[in-house]
Amino acid sequence: MVHAITKPLPTPFDSRDLAVCQRVFDEIRSGAGIAKESEEAERMAAITIELYRQGVREPRHLRTMVESARGLFGRQGILQS
């Protein structure tokens, strides 16, 4: 007998999920002085969404992980809360 291994489909984002990701992204981007239409901003947005999809839902943890992934953690100008 053959058993299929299935990967659960990601659940769709709702407006609350997107609002959390947007708020975290905006805080990091503006704190680091990164232009909204830049390639770096696109990478940060993709990382933010991916981490959120993987279960990092707490905004402070999400922000810390995105900052770390992009080498921004601890840099001057980054907003700390």
C-alpha atoms as a PDB file:
ATOM      1  CA  MET A   1       0.000   0.000   0.000  1.00  0.00           C
ATOM      2  CA  VAL A   2       1.287   3.473  -0.935  1.00  0.00           C
ATOM      3  CA  HIS A   3       0.803   6.347   1.464  1.00  0.00           C
ATOM      4  CA  ALA A   4       0.815   9.854   0.125  1.00  0.00           C
ATOM      5  CA  ILE A   5       2.546  12.505   2.152  1.00  0.00           C
ATOM      6  CA  THR A   6       0.593  15.687   1.967  1.00  0.00           C
ATOM      7  CA  LYS A   7       1.646  19.071   3.137  1.00  0.00           C
ATOM      8  CA  PRO A   8      -1.115  21.170   4.655  1.00  0.00           C
ATOM      9  CA  LEU A   9      -2.083  24.125   2.535  1.00  0.00           C
ATOM     10  CA  PRO A  10      -1.281  27.513   4.042  1.00  0.00           C
ATOM     11  CA  THR A  11      -4.316  29.276   5.403  1.00  0.00           C
ATOM     12  CA  PRO A  12      -5.217  32.491   3.613  1.00  0.00           C
ATOM     13  CA  PHE A  13      -4.396  35.792   5.244  1.00  0.00           C
ATOM     14  CA  ASP A  14      -7.228  37.919   6.475  1.00  0.00           C
ATOM     15  CA  SER A  15      -7.179  41.673   7.005  1.00  0.00           C
ATOM     16  CA  ARG A  16      -5.884  41.314  10.589  1.00  0.00           C
ATOM     17  CA  ASP A  17      -2.917  39.213   9.437  1.00  0.00           C
ATOM     18  CA  LEU A  18      -2.056  41.711   6.731  1.00  0.00           C
ATOM     19  CA  ALA A  19      -2.382  44.608   9.175  1.00  0.00           C
ATOM     20  CA  VAL A  20       0.159  43.010  11.547  1.00  0.00           C
ATOM     21  CA  CYS A  21       2.614  42.363   8.707  1.00  0.00           C
ATOM     22  CA  GLN A  22       2.148  45.872   7.300  1.00  0.00           C
ATOM     23  CA  ARG A  23       2.693  47.523  10.685  1.00  0.00           C
ATOM     24  CA  VAL A  24       5.873  45.526  11.363  1.00  0.00           C
ATOM     25  CA  PHE A  25       7.180  46.159   7.840  1.00  0.00           C
ATOM     26  CA  ASP A  26       6.474  49.903   8.072  1.00  0.00           C
ATOM     27  CA  GLU A  27       8.210  50.192  11.468  1.00  0.00           C
ATOM     28  CA  ILE A  28      11.341  48.424  10.244  1.00  0.00           C
ATOM     29  CA  ARG A  29      11.467  50.202   6.884  1.00  0.00           C
ATOM     30  CA  SER A  30      10.994  53.701   8.245  1.00  0.00           C
ATOM     31  CA  GLY A  31      13.305  53.104  11.212  1.00  0.00           C
ATOM     32  CA  ALA A  32      16.080  51.907   8.919  1.00  0.00           C
ATOM     33  CA  GLY A  33      15.489  54.673   6.357  1.00  0.00           C
ATOM     34  CA  ILE A  34      14.757  52.221   3.537  1.00  0.00           C
ATOM     35  CA  ALA A  35      12.821  53.552   0.547  1.00  0.00           C
ATOM     36  CA  LYS A  36       9.370  51.990   0.167  1.00  0.00           C
ATOM     37  CA  GLU A  37       9.897  51.152  -3.519  1.00  0.00           C
ATOM     38  CA  SER A  38      13.385  49.654  -3.123  1.00  0.00           C
ATOM     39  CA  GLU A  39      14.554  46.072  -3.646  1.00  0.00           C
ATOM     40  CA  GLU A  40      15.511  45.905   0.034  1.00  0.00           C
ATOM     41  CA  ALA A  41      11.945  46.824   1.012  1.00  0.00           C
ATOM     42  CA  GLU A  42      10.635  44.063  -1.267  1.00  0.00           C
ATOM     43  CA  ARG A  43      12.947  41.518   0.381  1.00  0.00           C
ATOM     44  CA  MET A  44      11.894  42.681   3.842  1.00  0.00           C
ATOM     45  CA  ALA A  45       8.213  42.409   2.914  1.00  0.00           C
ATOM     46  CA  ALA A  46       8.694  38.869   1.561  1.00  0.00           C
ATOM     47  CA  ILE A  47      10.562  37.803   4.710  1.00  0.00           C
ATOM     48  CA  THR A  48       7.897  39.363   6.923  1.00  0.00           C
ATOM     49  CA  ILE A  49       5.106  37.475   5.157  1.00  0.00           C
ATOM     50  CA  GLU A  50       7.028  34.188   5.112  1.00  0.00           C
ATOM     51  CA  LEU A  51       7.894  34.325   8.813  1.00  0.00           C
ATOM     52  CA  TYR A  52       4.286  35.178   9.636  1.00  0.00           C
ATOM     53  CA  ARG A  53       3.076  32.216   7.561  1.00  0.00           C
ATOM     54  CA  GLN A  54       5.539  30.002   9.449  1.00  0.00           C
ATOM     55  CA  GLY A  55       3.907  30.985  12.733  1.00  0.00           C
ATOM     56  CA  VAL A  56       5.818  34.036  13.988  1.00  0.00           C
ATOM     57  CA  ARG A  57       2.717  36.030  14.914  1.00  0.00           C
ATOM     58  CA  GLU A  58       3.874  38.208  17.816  1.00  0.00           C
ATOM     59  CA  PRO A  59       4.828  41.595  16.296  1.00  0.00           C
ATOM     60  CA  ARG A  60       7.965  42.135  18.417  1.00  0.00           C
ATOM     61  CA  HIS A  61       9.295  38.675  17.595  1.00  0.00           C
ATOM     62  CA  LEU A  62       8.440  39.106  13.933  1.00  0.00           C
ATOM     63  CA  ARG A  63      10.228  42.460  13.815  1.00  0.00           C
ATOM     64  CA  THR A  64      13.305  41.077  15.556  1.00  0.00           C
ATOM     65  CA  MET A  65      13.528  38.151  13.158  1.00  0.00           C
ATOM     66  CA  VAL A  66      13.121  40.327  10.049  1.00  0.00           C
ATOM     67  CA  GLU A  67      15.709  42.821  11.328  1.00  0.00           C
ATOM     68  CA  SER A  68      18.109  39.956  12.037  1.00  0.00           C
ATOM     69  CA  ALA A  69      17.533  38.357   8.642  1.00  0.00           C
ATOM     70  CA  ARG A  70      18.350  41.619   6.863  1.00  0.00           C
ATOM     71  CA  GLY A  71      21.287  42.598   9.090  1.00  0.00           C
ATOM     72  CA  LEU A  72      19.430  45.535  10.628  1.00  0.00           C
ATOM     73  CA  PHE A  73      19.193  44.346  14.232  1.00  0.00           C
ATOM     74  CA  GLY A  74      20.928  46.774  16.589  1.00  0.00           C
ATOM     75  CA  ARG A  75      21.698  49.369  13.895  1.00  0.00           C
ATOM     76  CA  GLN A  76      21.279  53.047  14.719  1.00  0.00           C
ATOM     77  CA  GLY A  77      17.911  54.413  13.644  1.00  0.00           C
ATOM     78  CA  ILE A  78      16.010  51.185  14.206  1.00  0.00           C
ATOM     79  CA  LEU A  79      13.046  51.764  16.497  1.00  0.00           C
ATOM     80  CA  GLN A  80      13.240  49.627  19.621  1.00  0.00           C
ATOM     81  CA  SER A  81      10.210  48.920  21.817  1.00  0.00           C
END
